[in-house]
Amino acid sequence: MSAHGDVDMGHTVAGWTGTALAVLGSAATGAGMCLGSAVVLGGGVGTIVLSVFLTWILHLTGWGKPPGPRPRAEWDWRVRDSMAQHHDCLGCRMAGRRRAAPVPAADAEESALARV
C-alpha cells in the first residue's frame, strides 16, 4: 500500500510530460523576467503553451488517464490506457468525441429479447 492509500494517483506519461515541460517553461519565463529578455520570456511562455497541447495530444492517444478509478493493472504510469475514448472527459469532448447516446428502455428490452 502506498502513502496515499489504495488509490490510483493518475501518474501517466501525458501527466509527467506536461508537468516537466510546464516547469521548464515556468523557469524560463521567470528567468526572462529577471533578465529583462523578451526572447527568453517568449520562449518560456511558448513552452508552457506547448506543454498544454502536448499533454492533450498524449491524452487523446491513450497515454492519459480518464476521470475516476482505473483497474490496478493500469496504475503504472507506463501503461497505455485501454479506453481510447473517455465519455466524461473534458479533453476528449473538446476533441469532438461525444458522449454515447443512452439506449432507450424499449430498445434495450428488444435487444435483450433478440439475444435470447
PDB file of N, CA and C in Angstrom:
ATOM      1  N   MET A   1       0.846  -1.171   0.000  1.00  0.00           N
ATOM      2  CA  MET A   1       0.000   0.000   0.000  1.00  0.00           C
ATOM      3  C   MET A   1       0.891   1.233   0.000  1.00  0.00           C
ATOM      4  N   SER A   2       0.531   2.238  -0.783  1.00  0.00           N
ATOM      5  CA  SER A   2       1.331   3.441  -0.873  1.00  0.00           C
ATOM      6  C   SER A   2       0.999   4.413   0.248  1.00  0.00           C
ATOM      7  N   ALA A   3       1.726   5.508   0.283  1.00  0.00           N
ATOM      8  CA  ALA A   3       1.484   6.521   1.308  1.00  0.00           C
ATOM      9  C   ALA A   3       0.136   7.208   1.104  1.00  0.00           C
ATOM     10  N   HIS A   4      -0.426   7.112  -0.095  1.00  0.00           N
ATOM     11  CA  HIS A   4      -1.701   7.759  -0.407  1.00  0.00           C
ATOM     12  C   HIS A   4      -2.885   6.815  -0.250  1.00  0.00           C
ATOM     13  N   GLY A   5      -2.644   5.638   0.254  1.00  0.00           N
ATOM     14  CA  GLY A   5      -3.733   4.683   0.369  1.00  0.00           C
ATOM     15  C   GLY A   5      -3.827   3.820  -0.869  1.00  0.00           C
ATOM     16  N   ASP A   6      -4.886   3.101  -0.981  1.00  0.00           N
ATOM     17  CA  ASP A   6      -5.070   2.181  -2.089  1.00  0.00           C
ATOM     18  C   ASP A   6      -5.836   2.861  -3.221  1.00  0.00           C
ATOM     19  N   VAL A   7      -5.267   3.929  -3.761  1.00  0.00           N
ATOM     20  CA  VAL A   7      -5.908   4.661  -4.853  1.00  0.00           C
ATOM     21  C   VAL A   7      -4.905   4.913  -5.965  1.00  0.00           C
ATOM     22  N   ASP A   8      -5.415   5.121  -7.162  1.00  0.00           N
ATOM     23  CA  ASP A   8      -4.606   5.466  -8.319  1.00  0.00           C
ATOM     24  C   ASP A   8      -4.439   6.979  -8.342  1.00  0.00           C
ATOM     25  N   MET A   9      -3.216   7.464  -8.262  1.00  0.00           N
ATOM     26  CA  MET A   9      -2.972   8.903  -8.247  1.00  0.00           C
ATOM     27  C   MET A   9      -2.943   9.504  -9.651  1.00  0.00           C
ATOM     28  N   GLY A  10      -3.063   8.691 -10.694  1.00  0.00           N
ATOM     29  CA  GLY A  10      -3.159   9.216 -12.044  1.00  0.00           C
ATOM     30  C   GLY A  10      -1.837   9.552 -12.684  1.00  0.00           C
ATOM     31  N   HIS A  11      -0.749   8.958 -12.240  1.00  0.00           N
ATOM     32  CA  HIS A  11       0.549   9.209 -12.855  1.00  0.00           C
ATOM     33  C   HIS A  11       0.567   8.570 -14.236  1.00  0.00           C
ATOM     34  N   THR A  12       0.691   9.401 -15.269  1.00  0.00           N
ATOM     35  CA  THR A  12       0.674   8.918 -16.648  1.00  0.00           C
ATOM     36  C   THR A  12       1.785   9.591 -17.432  1.00  0.00           C
ATOM     37  N   VAL A  13       2.071   9.051 -18.613  1.00  0.00           N
ATOM     38  CA  VAL A  13       3.070   9.653 -19.497  1.00  0.00           C
ATOM     39  C   VAL A  13       2.650  11.080 -19.856  1.00  0.00           C
ATOM     40  N   ALA A  14       1.368  11.266 -20.158  1.00  0.00           N
ATOM     41  CA  ALA A  14       0.875  12.607 -20.500  1.00  0.00           C
ATOM     42  C   ALA A  14       1.057  13.568 -19.327  1.00  0.00           C
ATOM     43  N   GLY A  15       0.737  13.112 -18.133  1.00  0.00           N
ATOM     44  CA  GLY A  15       0.863  13.971 -16.957  1.00  0.00           C
ATOM     45  C   GLY A  15       2.297  14.347 -16.647  1.00  0.00           C
ATOM     46  N   TRP A  16       3.195  13.361 -16.671  1.00  0.00           N
ATOM     47  CA  TRP A  16       4.598  13.639 -16.371  1.00  0.00           C
ATOM     48  C   TRP A  16       5.231  14.530 -17.443  1.00  0.00           C
ATOM     49  N   THR A  17       4.935  14.268 -18.709  1.00  0.00           N
ATOM     50  CA  THR A  17       5.499  15.071 -19.792  1.00  0.00           C
ATOM     51  C   THR A  17       5.005  16.509 -19.721  1.00  0.00           C
ATOM     52  N   GLY A  18       3.705  16.679 -19.540  1.00  0.00           N
ATOM     53  CA  GLY A  18       3.149  18.028 -19.444  1.00  0.00           C
ATOM     54  C   GLY A  18       3.683  18.793 -18.250  1.00  0.00           C
ATOM     55  N   THR A  19       3.822  18.116 -17.111  1.00  0.00           N
ATOM     56  CA  THR A  19       4.342  18.778 -15.914  1.00  0.00           C
ATOM     57  C   THR A  19       5.794  19.194 -16.108  1.00  0.00           C
ATOM     58  N   ALA A  20       6.608  18.309 -16.664  1.00  0.00           N
ATOM     59  CA  ALA A  20       8.019  18.632 -16.878  1.00  0.00           C
ATOM     60  C   ALA A  20       8.176  19.827 -17.816  1.00  0.00           C
ATOM     61  N   LEU A  21       7.424  19.845 -18.909  1.00  0.00           N
ATOM     62  CA  LEU A  21       7.502  20.974 -19.839  1.00  0.00           C
ATOM     63  C   LEU A  21       6.979  22.264 -19.217  1.00  0.00           C
ATOM     64  N   ALA A  22       5.919  22.175 -18.432  1.00  0.00           N
ATOM     65  CA  ALA A  22       5.375  23.367 -17.783  1.00  0.00           C
ATOM     66  C   ALA A  22       6.354  23.940 -16.762  1.00  0.00           C
ATOM     67  N   VAL A  23       7.037  23.075 -16.017  1.00  0.00           N
ATOM     68  CA  VAL A  23       8.042  23.541 -15.054  1.00  0.00           C
ATOM     69  C   VAL A  23       9.204  24.204 -15.787  1.00  0.00           C
ATOM     70  N   LEU A  24       9.655  23.588 -16.874  1.00  0.00           N
ATOM     71  CA  LEU A  24      10.734  24.169 -17.674  1.00  0.00           C
ATOM     72  C   LEU A  24      10.317  25.525 -18.245  1.00  0.00           C
ATOM     73  N   GLY A  25       9.099  25.607 -18.759  1.00  0.00           N
ATOM     74  CA  GLY A  25       8.597  26.873 -19.299  1.00  0.00           C
ATOM     75  C   GLY A  25       8.440  27.935 -18.227  1.00  0.00           C
ATOM     76  N   SER A  26       8.005  27.538 -17.035  1.00  0.00           N
ATOM     77  CA  SER A  26       7.871  28.497 -15.935  1.00  0.00           C
ATOM     78  C   SER A  26       9.228  29.021 -15.495  1.00  0.00           C
ATOM     79  N   ALA A  27      10.216  28.135 -15.452  1.00  0.00           N
ATOM     80  CA  ALA A  27      11.569  28.565 -15.087  1.00  0.00           C
ATOM     81  C   ALA A  27      12.132  29.532 -16.131  1.00  0.00           C
ATOM     82  N   ALA A  28      11.913  29.220 -17.399  1.00  0.00           N
ATOM     83  CA  ALA A  28      12.391  30.113 -18.463  1.00  0.00           C
ATOM     84  C   ALA A  28      11.662  31.458 -18.424  1.00  0.00           C
ATOM     85  N   THR A  29      10.359  31.428 -18.142  1.00  0.00           N
ATOM     86  CA  THR A  29       9.593  32.669 -18.035  1.00  0.00           C
ATOM     87  C   THR A  29      10.116  33.521 -16.883  1.00  0.00           C
ATOM     88  N   GLY A  30      10.371  32.900 -15.749  1.00  0.00           N
ATOM     89  CA  GLY A  30      10.924  33.630 -14.605  1.00  0.00           C
ATOM     90  C   GLY A  30      12.300  34.186 -14.892  1.00  0.00           C
ATOM     91  N   ALA A  31      13.146  33.392 -15.556  1.00  0.00           N
ATOM     92  CA  ALA A  31      14.478  33.877 -15.912  1.00  0.00           C
ATOM     93  C   ALA A  31      14.389  35.036 -16.897  1.00  0.00           C
ATOM     94  N   GLY A  32      13.459  34.939 -17.834  1.00  0.00           N
ATOM     95  CA  GLY A  32      13.278  36.022 -18.798  1.00  0.00           C
ATOM     96  C   GLY A  32      12.827  37.314 -18.134  1.00  0.00           C
ATOM     97  N   MET A  33      11.980  37.199 -17.119  1.00  0.00           N
ATOM     98  CA  MET A  33      11.536  38.396 -16.397  1.00  0.00           C
ATOM     99  C   MET A  33      12.688  38.998 -15.591  1.00  0.00           C
ATOM    100  N   CYS A  34      13.479  38.134 -14.940  1.00  0.00           N
ATOM    101  CA  CYS A  34      14.601  38.641 -14.141  1.00  0.00           C
ATOM    102  C   CYS A  34      15.684  39.265 -15.017  1.00  0.00           C
ATOM    103  N   LEU A  35      15.913  38.675 -16.180  1.00  0.00           N
ATOM    104  CA  LEU A  35      16.949  39.185 -17.086  1.00  0.00           C
ATOM    105  C   LEU A  35      16.449  40.345 -17.940  1.00  0.00           C
ATOM    106  N   GLY A  36      15.158  40.512 -18.009  1.00  0.00           N
ATOM    107  CA  GLY A  36      14.589  41.552 -18.868  1.00  0.00           C
ATOM    108  C   GLY A  36      14.700  41.195 -20.335  1.00  0.00           C
ATOM    109  N   SER A  37      14.712  39.911 -20.638  1.00  0.00           N
ATOM    110  CA  SER A  37      14.864  39.437 -22.012  1.00  0.00           C
ATOM    111  C   SER A  37      13.514  38.991 -22.561  1.00  0.00           C
ATOM    112  N   ALA A  38      13.052  39.689 -23.584  1.00  0.00           N
ATOM    113  CA  ALA A  38      11.772  39.346 -24.203  1.00  0.00           C
ATOM    114  C   ALA A  38      11.854  38.005 -24.929  1.00  0.00           C
ATOM    115  N   VAL A  39      13.038  37.673 -25.451  1.00  0.00           N
ATOM    116  CA  VAL A  39      13.198  36.409 -26.178  1.00  0.00           C
ATOM    117  C   VAL A  39      13.056  35.224 -25.219  1.00  0.00           C
ATOM    118  N   VAL A  40      13.721  35.272 -24.072  1.00  0.00           N
ATOM    119  CA  VAL A  40      13.642  34.184 -23.101  1.00  0.00           C
ATOM    120  C   VAL A  40      12.232  34.119 -22.511  1.00  0.00           C
ATOM    121  N   LEU A  41      11.644  35.287 -22.235  1.00  0.00           N
ATOM    122  CA  LEU A  41      10.282  35.336 -21.712  1.00  0.00           C
ATOM    123  C   LEU A  41       9.299  34.706 -22.699  1.00  0.00           C
ATOM    124  N   GLY A  42       9.411  35.065 -23.968  1.00  0.00           N
ATOM    125  CA  GLY A  42       8.535  34.497 -25.002  1.00  0.00           C
ATOM    126  C   GLY A  42       8.755  33.004 -25.181  1.00  0.00           C
ATOM    127  N   GLY A  43      10.015  32.569 -25.090  1.00  0.00           N
ATOM    128  CA  GLY A  43      10.308  31.140 -25.192  1.00  0.00           C
ATOM    129  C   GLY A  43       9.690  30.361 -24.042  1.00  0.00           C
ATOM    130  N   GLY A  44       9.722  30.949 -22.838  1.00  0.00           N
ATOM    131  CA  GLY A  44       9.120  30.302 -21.679  1.00  0.00           C
ATOM    132  C   GLY A  44       7.612  30.185 -21.814  1.00  0.00           C
ATOM    133  N   VAL A  45       6.975  31.258 -22.239  1.00  0.00           N
ATOM    134  CA  VAL A  45       5.518  31.229 -22.428  1.00  0.00           C
ATOM    135  C   VAL A  45       5.156  30.246 -23.540  1.00  0.00           C
ATOM    136  N   GLY A  46       5.948  30.225 -24.606  1.00  0.00           N
ATOM    137  CA  GLY A  46       5.711  29.268 -25.692  1.00  0.00           C
ATOM    138  C   GLY A  46       5.847  27.835 -25.230  1.00  0.00           C
ATOM    139  N   THR A  47       6.802  27.572 -24.341  1.00  0.00           N
ATOM    140  CA  THR A  47       6.978  26.223 -23.800  1.00  0.00           C
ATOM    141  C   THR A  47       5.790  25.818 -22.941  1.00  0.00           C
ATOM    142  N   ILE A  48       5.244  26.749 -22.185  1.00  0.00           N
ATOM    143  CA  ILE A  48       4.058  26.453 -21.372  1.00  0.00           C
ATOM    144  C   ILE A  48       2.863  26.113 -22.265  1.00  0.00           C
ATOM    145  N   VAL A  49       2.666  26.886 -23.315  1.00  0.00           N
ATOM    146  CA  VAL A  49       1.574  26.613 -24.259  1.00  0.00           C
ATOM    147  C   VAL A  49       1.792  25.257 -24.938  1.00  0.00           C
ATOM    148  N   LEU A  50       3.045  24.962 -25.313  1.00  0.00           N
ATOM    149  CA  LEU A  50       3.371  23.671 -25.914  1.00  0.00           C
ATOM    150  C   LEU A  50       3.052  22.525 -24.959  1.00  0.00           C
ATOM    151  N   SER A  51       3.318  22.723 -23.674  1.00  0.00           N
ATOM    152  CA  SER A  51       3.042  21.663 -22.695  1.00  0.00           C
ATOM    153  C   SER A  51       1.553  21.335 -22.628  1.00  0.00           C
ATOM    154  N   VAL A  52       0.717  22.352 -22.739  1.00  0.00           N
ATOM    155  CA  VAL A  52      -0.731  22.118 -22.699  1.00  0.00           C
ATOM    156  C   VAL A  52      -1.170  21.279 -23.895  1.00  0.00           C
ATOM    157  N   PHE A  53      -0.731  21.667 -25.095  1.00  0.00           N
ATOM    158  CA  PHE A  53      -1.153  20.944 -26.292  1.00  0.00           C
ATOM    159  C   PHE A  53      -0.544  19.552 -26.362  1.00  0.00           C
ATOM    160  N   LEU A  54       0.707  19.390 -25.944  1.00  0.00           N
ATOM    161  CA  LEU A  54       1.332  18.080 -25.973  1.00  0.00           C
ATOM    162  C   LEU A  54       0.661  17.133 -24.977  1.00  0.00           C
ATOM    163  N   THR A  55       0.319  17.639 -23.797  1.00  0.00           N
ATOM    164  CA  THR A  55      -0.383  16.823 -22.811  1.00  0.00           C
ATOM    165  C   THR A  55      -1.736  16.375 -23.356  1.00  0.00           C
ATOM    166  N   TRP A  56      -2.448  17.277 -23.999  1.00  0.00           N
ATOM    167  CA  TRP A  56      -3.751  16.950 -24.580  1.00  0.00           C
ATOM    168  C   TRP A  56      -3.617  15.882 -25.668  1.00  0.00           C
ATOM    169  N   ILE A  57      -2.642  16.036 -26.552  1.00  0.00           N
ATOM    170  CA  ILE A  57      -2.434  15.069 -27.635  1.00  0.00           C
ATOM    171  C   ILE A  57      -2.069  13.701 -27.062  1.00  0.00           C
ATOM    172  N   LEU A  58      -1.179  13.683 -26.074  1.00  0.00           N
ATOM    173  CA  LEU A  58      -0.822  12.409 -25.450  1.00  0.00           C
ATOM    174  C   LEU A  58      -2.032  11.756 -24.776  1.00  0.00           C
ATOM    175  N   HIS A  59      -2.855  12.559 -24.149  1.00  0.00           N
ATOM    176  CA  HIS A  59      -4.070  12.035 -23.516  1.00  0.00           C
ATOM    177  C   HIS A  59      -4.996  11.408 -24.559  1.00  0.00           C
ATOM    178  N   LEU A  60      -5.174  12.084 -25.681  1.00  0.00           N
ATOM    179  CA  LEU A  60      -6.073  11.580 -26.713  1.00  0.00           C
ATOM    180  C   LEU A  60      -5.547  10.312 -27.380  1.00  0.00           C
ATOM    181  N   THR A  61      -4.227  10.121 -27.377  1.00  0.00           N
ATOM    182  CA  THR A  61      -3.663   8.918 -27.983  1.00  0.00           C
ATOM    183  C   THR A  61      -3.561   7.752 -26.999  1.00  0.00           C
ATOM    184  N   GLY A  62      -4.081   7.942 -25.788  1.00  0.00           N
ATOM    185  CA  GLY A  62      -4.139   6.833 -24.845  1.00  0.00           C
ATOM    186  C   GLY A  62      -3.097   6.868 -23.746  1.00  0.00           C
ATOM    187  N   TRP A  63      -2.271   7.908 -23.687  1.00  0.00           N
ATOM    188  CA  TRP A  63      -1.245   7.995 -22.652  1.00  0.00           C
ATOM    189  C   TRP A  63      -1.682   8.853 -21.477  1.00  0.00           C
ATOM    190  N   GLY A  64      -2.972   9.167 -21.397  1.00  0.00           N
ATOM    191  CA  GLY A  64      -3.517   9.932 -20.283  1.00  0.00           C
ATOM    192  C   GLY A  64      -4.412   9.065 -19.429  1.00  0.00           C
ATOM    193  N   LYS A  65      -5.095   9.678 -18.492  1.00  0.00           N
ATOM    194  CA  LYS A  65      -5.969   8.950 -17.572  1.00  0.00           C
ATOM    195  C   LYS A  65      -7.364   9.544 -17.634  1.00  0.00           C
ATOM    196  N   PRO A  66      -8.385   8.693 -17.726  1.00  0.00           N
ATOM    197  CA  PRO A  66      -9.750   9.211 -17.675  1.00  0.00           C
ATOM    198  C   PRO A  66     -10.108   9.599 -16.241  1.00  0.00           C
ATOM    199  N   PRO A  67     -11.162  10.387 -16.065  1.00  0.00           N
ATOM    200  CA  PRO A  67     -11.603  10.682 -14.706  1.00  0.00           C
ATOM    201  C   PRO A  67     -12.086   9.408 -14.020  1.00  0.00           C
ATOM    202  N   GLY A  68     -11.856   9.319 -12.734  1.00  0.00           N
ATOM    203  CA  GLY A  68     -12.328   8.175 -11.973  1.00  0.00           C
ATOM    204  C   GLY A  68     -11.288   7.090 -11.831  1.00  0.00           C
ATOM    205  N   PRO A  69     -11.664   6.002 -11.167  1.00  0.00           N
ATOM    206  CA  PRO A  69     -10.703   4.936 -10.882  1.00  0.00           C
ATOM    207  C   PRO A  69     -10.356   4.112 -12.118  1.00  0.00           C
ATOM    208  N   ARG A  70      -9.164   3.535 -12.090  1.00  0.00           N
ATOM    209  CA  ARG A  70      -8.720   2.616 -13.135  1.00  0.00           C
ATOM    210  C   ARG A  70      -8.429   1.264 -12.495  1.00  0.00           C
ATOM    211  N   PRO A  71      -8.424   0.185 -13.292  1.00  0.00           N
ATOM    212  CA  PRO A  71      -8.052  -1.123 -12.745  1.00  0.00           C
ATOM    213  C   PRO A  71      -6.611  -1.091 -12.234  1.00  0.00           C
ATOM    214  N   ARG A  72      -6.321  -1.857 -11.204  1.00  0.00           N
ATOM    215  CA  ARG A  72      -4.989  -1.857 -10.594  1.00  0.00           C
ATOM    216  C   ARG A  72      -3.896  -2.184 -11.615  1.00  0.00           C
ATOM    217  N   ALA A  73      -4.178  -3.020 -12.595  1.00  0.00           N
ATOM    218  CA  ALA A  73      -3.181  -3.390 -13.605  1.00  0.00           C
ATOM    219  C   ALA A  73      -2.753  -2.190 -14.452  1.00  0.00           C
ATOM    220  N   GLU A  74      -3.545  -1.125 -14.478  1.00  0.00           N
ATOM    221  CA  GLU A  74      -3.230   0.059 -15.276  1.00  0.00           C
ATOM    222  C   GLU A  74      -2.699   1.209 -14.429  1.00  0.00           C
ATOM    223  N   TRP A  75      -2.321   0.969 -13.182  1.00  0.00           N
ATOM    224  CA  TRP A  75      -1.851   2.041 -12.316  1.00  0.00           C
ATOM    225  C   TRP A  75      -0.452   2.527 -12.677  1.00  0.00           C
ATOM    226  N   ASP A  76       0.379   1.671 -13.239  1.00  0.00           N
ATOM    227  CA  ASP A  76       1.734   2.086 -13.586  1.00  0.00           C
ATOM    228  C   ASP A  76       1.686   3.188 -14.641  1.00  0.00           C
ATOM    229  N   TRP A  77       2.525   4.186 -14.524  1.00  0.00           N
ATOM    230  CA  TRP A  77       2.460   5.342 -15.423  1.00  0.00           C
ATOM    231  C   TRP A  77       2.856   5.001 -16.848  1.00  0.00           C
ATOM    232  N   ARG A  78       3.535   3.860 -17.061  1.00  0.00           N
ATOM    233  CA  ARG A  78       3.956   3.481 -18.413  1.00  0.00           C
ATOM    234  C   ARG A  78       2.924   2.645 -19.151  1.00  0.00           C
ATOM    235  N   VAL A  79       1.781   2.377 -18.525  1.00  0.00           N
ATOM    236  CA  VAL A  79       0.733   1.561 -19.147  1.00  0.00           C
ATOM    237  C   VAL A  79      -0.200   2.461 -19.936  1.00  0.00           C
ATOM    238  N   ARG A  80      -0.408   2.099 -21.190  1.00  0.00           N
ATOM    239  CA  ARG A  80      -1.313   2.872 -22.035  1.00  0.00           C
ATOM    240  C   ARG A  80      -2.748   2.582 -21.636  1.00  0.00           C
ATOM    241  N   ASP A  81      -3.597   3.603 -21.705  1.00  0.00           N
ATOM    242  CA  ASP A  81      -4.996   3.472 -21.305  1.00  0.00           C
ATOM    243  C   ASP A  81      -5.731   2.558 -22.271  1.00  0.00           C
ATOM    244  N   SER A  82      -6.463   1.606 -21.725  1.00  0.00           N
ATOM    245  CA  SER A  82      -7.193   0.656 -22.561  1.00  0.00           C
ATOM    246  C   SER A  82      -8.427   1.278 -23.206  1.00  0.00           C
ATOM    247  N   MET A  83      -8.957   2.345 -22.601  1.00  0.00           N
ATOM    248  CA  MET A  83     -10.116   3.051 -23.166  1.00  0.00           C
ATOM    249  C   MET A  83      -9.602   4.251 -23.961  1.00  0.00           C
ATOM    250  N   ALA A  84      -9.721   4.216 -25.266  1.00  0.00           N
ATOM    251  CA  ALA A  84      -9.225   5.323 -26.073  1.00  0.00           C
ATOM    252  C   ALA A  84     -10.161   6.527 -26.004  1.00  0.00           C
ATOM    253  N   GLN A  85     -11.376   6.323 -25.569  1.00  0.00           N
ATOM    254  CA  GLN A  85     -12.348   7.408 -25.522  1.00  0.00           C
ATOM    255  C   GLN A  85     -12.968   7.461 -24.129  1.00  0.00           C
ATOM    256  N   HIS A  86     -12.868   8.618 -23.510  1.00  0.00           N
ATOM    257  CA  HIS A  86     -13.412   8.815 -22.173  1.00  0.00           C
ATOM    258  C   HIS A  86     -14.652   9.693 -22.290  1.00  0.00           C
ATOM    259  N   HIS A  87     -15.808   9.145 -21.986  1.00  0.00           N
ATOM    260  CA  HIS A  87     -17.061   9.861 -22.212  1.00  0.00           C
ATOM    261  C   HIS A  87     -17.279  11.020 -21.247  1.00  0.00           C
ATOM    262  N   ASP A  88     -16.686  10.977 -20.066  1.00  0.00           N
ATOM    263  CA  ASP A  88     -16.871  12.054 -19.099  1.00  0.00           C
ATOM    264  C   ASP A  88     -15.679  12.993 -19.048  1.00  0.00           C
ATOM    265  N   CYS A  89     -14.810  12.952 -20.034  1.00  0.00           N
ATOM    266  CA  CYS A  89     -13.569  13.709 -20.024  1.00  0.00           C
ATOM    267  C   CYS A  89     -13.708  14.986 -20.856  1.00  0.00           C
ATOM    268  N   LEU A  90     -13.395  16.119 -20.260  1.00  0.00           N
ATOM    269  CA  LEU A  90     -13.476  17.402 -20.961  1.00  0.00           C
ATOM    270  C   LEU A  90     -12.534  17.436 -22.156  1.00  0.00           C
ATOM    271  N   GLY A  91     -11.317  16.938 -21.988  1.00  0.00           N
ATOM    272  CA  GLY A  91     -10.349  16.937 -23.084  1.00  0.00           C
ATOM    273  C   GLY A  91     -10.823  16.128 -24.273  1.00  0.00           C
ATOM    274  N   CYS A  92     -11.455  14.990 -24.012  1.00  0.00           N
ATOM    275  CA  CYS A  92     -11.976  14.173 -25.111  1.00  0.00           C
ATOM    276  C   CYS A  92     -13.172  14.842 -25.780  1.00  0.00           C
ATOM    277  N   ARG A  93     -14.027  15.483 -24.992  1.00  0.00           N
ATOM    278  CA  ARG A  93     -15.176  16.188 -25.578  1.00  0.00           C
ATOM    279  C   ARG A  93     -14.705  17.382 -26.395  1.00  0.00           C
ATOM    280  N   MET A  94     -13.642  18.064 -25.963  1.00  0.00           N
ATOM    281  CA  MET A  94     -13.102  19.190 -26.735  1.00  0.00           C
ATOM    282  C   MET A  94     -12.544  18.724 -28.070  1.00  0.00           C
ATOM    283  N   ALA A  95     -12.106  17.471 -28.143  1.00  0.00           N
ATOM    284  CA  ALA A  95     -11.570  16.918 -29.383  1.00  0.00           C
ATOM    285  C   ALA A  95     -12.673  16.427 -30.318  1.00  0.00           C
ATOM    286  N   GLY A  96     -13.934  16.565 -29.902  1.00  0.00           N
ATOM    287  CA  GLY A  96     -15.046  16.160 -30.748  1.00  0.00           C
ATOM    288  C   GLY A  96     -15.578  14.783 -30.433  1.00  0.00           C
ATOM    289  N   ARG A  97     -15.045  14.151 -29.411  1.00  0.00           N
ATOM    290  CA  ARG A  97     -15.549  12.841 -29.006  1.00  0.00           C
ATOM    291  C   ARG A  97     -16.759  13.073 -28.121  1.00  0.00           C
ATOM    292  N   ARG A  98     -17.888  12.647 -28.580  1.00  0.00           N
ATOM    293  CA  ARG A  98     -19.143  12.890 -27.872  1.00  0.00           C
ATOM    294  C   ARG A  98     -19.472  11.740 -26.944  1.00  0.00           C
ATOM    295  N   ARG A  99     -20.297  12.049 -25.978  1.00  0.00           N
ATOM    296  CA  ARG A  99     -20.790  11.019 -25.071  1.00  0.00           C
ATOM    297  C   ARG A  99     -21.671  10.049 -25.828  1.00  0.00           C
ATOM    298  N   ALA A 100     -21.662   8.807 -25.418  1.00  0.00           N
ATOM    299  CA  ALA A 100     -22.511   7.803 -26.058  1.00  0.00           C
ATOM    300  C   ALA A 100     -23.970   8.110 -25.742  1.00  0.00           C
ATOM    301  N   ALA A 101     -24.801   7.976 -26.740  1.00  0.00           N
ATOM    302  CA  ALA A 101     -26.228   8.234 -26.545  1.00  0.00           C
ATOM    303  C   ALA A 101     -26.826   7.132 -25.686  1.00  0.00           C
ATOM    304  N   PRO A 102     -27.644   7.489 -24.697  1.00  0.00           N
ATOM    305  CA  PRO A 102     -28.265   6.445 -23.871  1.00  0.00           C
ATOM    306  C   PRO A 102     -29.253   5.626 -24.689  1.00  0.00           C
ATOM    307  N   VAL A 103     -29.303   4.346 -24.396  1.00  0.00           N
ATOM    308  CA  VAL A 103     -30.219   3.450 -25.096  1.00  0.00           C
ATOM    309  C   VAL A 103     -31.577   3.557 -24.429  1.00  0.00           C
ATOM    310  N   PRO A 104     -32.637   3.862 -25.188  1.00  0.00           N
ATOM    311  CA  PRO A 104     -33.973   3.910 -24.599  1.00  0.00           C
ATOM    312  C   PRO A 104     -34.355   2.544 -24.021  1.00  0.00           C
ATOM    313  N   ALA A 105     -35.183   2.548 -22.989  1.00  0.00           N
ATOM    314  CA  ALA A 105     -35.556   1.314 -22.285  1.00  0.00           C
ATOM    315  C   ALA A 105     -36.227   0.312 -23.220  1.00  0.00           C
ATOM    316  N   ALA A 106     -37.090   0.759 -24.118  1.00  0.00           N
ATOM    317  CA  ALA A 106     -37.794  -0.155 -25.028  1.00  0.00           C
ATOM    318  C   ALA A 106     -36.799  -0.845 -25.956  1.00  0.00           C
ATOM    319  N   ASP A 107     -35.820  -0.119 -26.466  1.00  0.00           N
ATOM    320  CA  ASP A 107     -34.819  -0.713 -27.340  1.00  0.00           C
ATOM    321  C   ASP A 107     -33.934  -1.691 -26.578  1.00  0.00           C
ATOM    322  N   ALA A 108     -33.646  -1.392 -25.327  1.00  0.00           N
ATOM    323  CA  ALA A 108     -32.817  -2.292 -24.522  1.00  0.00           C
ATOM    324  C   ALA A 108     -33.531  -3.615 -24.300  1.00  0.00           C
ATOM    325  N   GLU A 109     -34.862  -3.568 -24.063  1.00  0.00           N
ATOM    326  CA  GLU A 109     -35.614  -4.799 -23.866  1.00  0.00           C
ATOM    327  C   GLU A 109     -35.662  -5.606 -25.161  1.00  0.00           C
ATOM    328  N   GLU A 110     -35.850  -4.933 -26.293  1.00  0.00           N
ATOM    329  CA  GLU A 110     -35.920  -5.625 -27.570  1.00  0.00           C
ATOM    330  C   GLU A 110     -34.584  -6.291 -27.890  1.00  0.00           C
ATOM    331  N   SER A 111     -33.474  -5.591 -27.647  1.00  0.00           N
ATOM    332  CA  SER A 111     -32.174  -6.189 -27.950  1.00  0.00           C
ATOM    333  C   SER A 111     -31.881  -7.339 -27.002  1.00  0.00           C
ATOM    334  N   ALA A 112     -32.348  -7.273 -25.751  1.00  0.00           N
ATOM    335  CA  ALA A 112     -32.164  -8.377 -24.813  1.00  0.00           C
ATOM    336  C   ALA A 112     -32.982  -9.596 -25.258  1.00  0.00           C
ATOM    337  N   LEU A 113     -34.185  -9.354 -25.752  1.00  0.00           N
ATOM    338  CA  LEU A 113     -35.015 -10.458 -26.215  1.00  0.00           C
ATOM    339  C   LEU A 113     -34.435 -11.073 -27.487  1.00  0.00           C
ATOM    340  N   ALA A 114     -33.832 -10.240 -28.335  1.00  0.00           N
ATOM    341  CA  ALA A 114     -33.268 -10.748 -29.581  1.00  0.00           C
ATOM    342  C   ALA A 114     -32.069 -11.647 -29.322  1.00  0.00           C
ATOM    343  N   ARG A 115     -31.350 -11.419 -28.240  1.00  0.00           N
ATOM    344  CA  ARG A 115     -30.188 -12.244 -27.911  1.00  0.00           C
ATOM    345  C   ARG A 115     -30.598 -13.604 -27.334  1.00  0.00           C
ATOM    346  N   VAL A 116     -31.818 -13.694 -26.800  1.00  0.00           N
ATOM    347  CA  VAL A 116     -32.251 -14.936 -26.143  1.00  0.00           C
ATOM    348  C   VAL A 116     -32.661 -15.971 -27.132  1.00  0.00           C
TER     349      VAL A 116
END
